[in-house]
């Protein structure tokens, strides 16, 4: 029963994060679609290898960051539902610790990639 409850809470948290993530991206879906149409029609800037690499890396790091946030939430839920079991508390703390480390690595990777690509322009 606990596993089913944890799975339902995890799915709800994931859906909640995915619902609110587009509001933090900064652009509305309609403007993103219009930008894509303009670029496909040749109205946008020309694409080179550096901008393609930057786009791919940014998308992957965005996904990695979202996964890290979900893992922090799951670790927090596991921590609060551990009922004093020391092994469960340790496991939950490790989940949170590794998710935070992953989030820091994603942020550092994002800044390094953008720095290197701007230096080689």
Protein backbone atom coordinates (compact mmCIF):
# COMPACT_ATOMS: atom_id res chain seq x y z
CA UNK A 1 0.00 0.00 0.00
CA UNK A 2 2.87 2.35 0.83
CA UNK A 3 4.45 1.80 -2.58
CA UNK A 4 1.20 2.59 -4.36
CA UNK A 5 0.78 5.73 -2.27
CA UNK A 6 4.37 6.78 -2.98
CA UNK A 7 3.90 6.14 -6.71
CA UNK A 8 0.70 8.22 -6.82
CA UNK A 9 2.34 11.09 -4.94
CA UNK A 10 5.41 10.92 -7.19
CA UNK A 11 3.32 11.02 -10.36
CA UNK A 12 1.27 13.91 -8.99
CA UNK A 13 4.45 15.82 -8.12
CA UNK A 14 5.89 15.16 -11.57
CA UNK A 15 2.72 16.35 -13.28
CA UNK A 16 2.68 19.41 -11.05
CA UNK A 17 6.25 20.29 -11.97
CA UNK A 18 5.60 19.71 -15.65
CA UNK A 19 2.49 21.90 -15.48
CA UNK A 20 4.29 24.91 -14.06
CA UNK A 21 7.62 24.57 -15.91
CA UNK A 22 6.47 26.33 -19.13
CA UNK A 23 5.53 29.43 -17.14
CA UNK A 24 9.14 29.79 -16.03
CA UNK A 25 10.63 29.36 -19.49
CA UNK A 26 9.65 32.90 -20.35
CA UNK A 27 7.85 32.64 -23.68
CA UNK A 28 4.31 31.63 -24.39
CA UNK A 29 3.70 28.56 -26.54
CA UNK A 30 2.13 30.73 -29.26
CA UNK A 31 5.24 32.92 -29.53
CA UNK A 32 7.47 29.85 -29.56
CA UNK A 33 5.45 28.37 -32.41
CA UNK A 34 5.62 31.67 -34.31
CA UNK A 35 9.39 31.81 -33.79
CA UNK A 36 9.70 28.29 -35.16
CA UNK A 37 7.58 29.16 -38.20
CA UNK A 38 9.66 32.28 -38.83
CA UNK A 39 12.92 30.38 -38.59
CA UNK A 40 11.66 27.58 -40.82
CA UNK A 41 10.64 30.17 -43.38
CA UNK A 42 14.09 31.74 -43.32
CA UNK A 43 13.15 34.85 -41.33
CA UNK A 44 15.32 33.87 -38.34
CA UNK A 45 19.05 33.99 -37.95
CA UNK A 46 21.18 31.45 -39.75
CA UNK A 47 22.01 28.33 -37.81
CA UNK A 48 25.58 27.20 -37.34
CA UNK A 49 27.15 24.25 -35.54
CA UNK A 50 27.73 26.23 -32.34
CA UNK A 51 24.12 27.32 -32.02
CA UNK A 52 22.89 23.79 -32.70
CA UNK A 53 25.20 22.36 -30.04
CA UNK A 54 24.09 25.05 -27.62
CA UNK A 55 20.42 24.29 -28.28
CA UNK A 56 20.87 20.53 -27.84
CA UNK A 57 22.91 20.91 -24.66
CA UNK A 58 20.44 23.44 -23.21
CA UNK A 59 17.51 21.08 -23.85
CA UNK A 60 19.33 18.14 -22.26
CA UNK A 61 20.34 20.23 -19.24
CA UNK A 62 16.78 21.52 -18.88
CA UNK A 63 15.53 17.92 -18.78
CA UNK A 64 18.27 16.97 -16.32
CA UNK A 65 17.37 19.90 -14.08
CA UNK A 66 13.70 18.93 -14.10
CA UNK A 67 14.59 15.34 -13.18
CA UNK A 68 16.80 16.58 -10.33
CA UNK A 69 13.97 18.70 -8.93
CA UNK A 70 11.59 15.73 -9.12
CA UNK A 71 14.16 13.57 -7.31
CA UNK A 72 14.49 16.19 -4.57
CA UNK A 73 10.71 16.08 -4.11
CA UNK A 74 10.72 12.28 -4.05
CA UNK A 75 13.56 12.29 -1.51
CA UNK A 76 11.62 14.72 0.65
CA UNK A 77 8.53 12.53 0.50
CA UNK A 78 10.60 9.46 1.37
CA UNK A 79 12.17 11.38 4.26
CA UNK A 80 8.84 12.42 5.72
CA UNK A 81 7.33 8.95 5.34
CA UNK A 82 10.31 7.07 6.83
CA UNK A 83 8.62 6.69 10.25
CA UNK A 84 11.94 6.87 12.09
CA UNK A 85 13.54 3.97 10.23
CA UNK A 86 17.23 4.86 10.15
CA UNK A 87 17.96 3.06 6.87
CA UNK A 88 15.02 4.76 5.15
CA UNK A 89 16.15 8.16 6.48
CA UNK A 90 19.68 7.57 5.21
CA UNK A 91 18.37 6.49 1.82
CA UNK A 92 16.13 9.57 1.58
CA UNK A 93 18.99 11.89 2.59
CA UNK A 94 21.23 10.30 -0.03
CA UNK A 95 18.52 10.77 -2.66
CA UNK A 96 18.24 14.46 -1.81
CA UNK A 97 22.04 14.88 -1.66
CA UNK A 98 22.63 13.24 -5.04
CA UNK A 99 19.78 15.19 -6.64
CA UNK A 100 21.22 18.48 -5.36
CA UNK A 101 24.66 17.50 -6.62
CA UNK A 102 23.12 16.65 -10.00
CA UNK A 103 21.36 20.02 -10.08
CA UNK A 104 24.62 21.83 -9.32
CA UNK A 105 26.43 19.87 -12.04
CA UNK A 106 23.67 20.74 -14.52
CA UNK A 107 23.92 24.45 -13.69
CA UNK A 108 27.71 24.39 -13.97
CA UNK A 109 27.56 22.48 -17.25
CA UNK A 110 25.09 25.02 -18.63
CA UNK A 111 27.37 27.92 -17.73
CA UNK A 112 30.50 26.20 -19.06
CA UNK A 113 28.89 25.31 -22.39
CA UNK A 114 27.53 28.82 -22.88
CA UNK A 115 30.88 30.38 -21.90
CA UNK A 116 32.87 28.17 -24.28
CA UNK A 117 30.48 28.72 -27.18
CA UNK A 118 30.54 32.51 -26.73
CA UNK A 119 34.34 32.48 -26.66
CA UNK A 120 34.56 30.64 -29.99
CA UNK A 121 32.10 32.89 -31.88
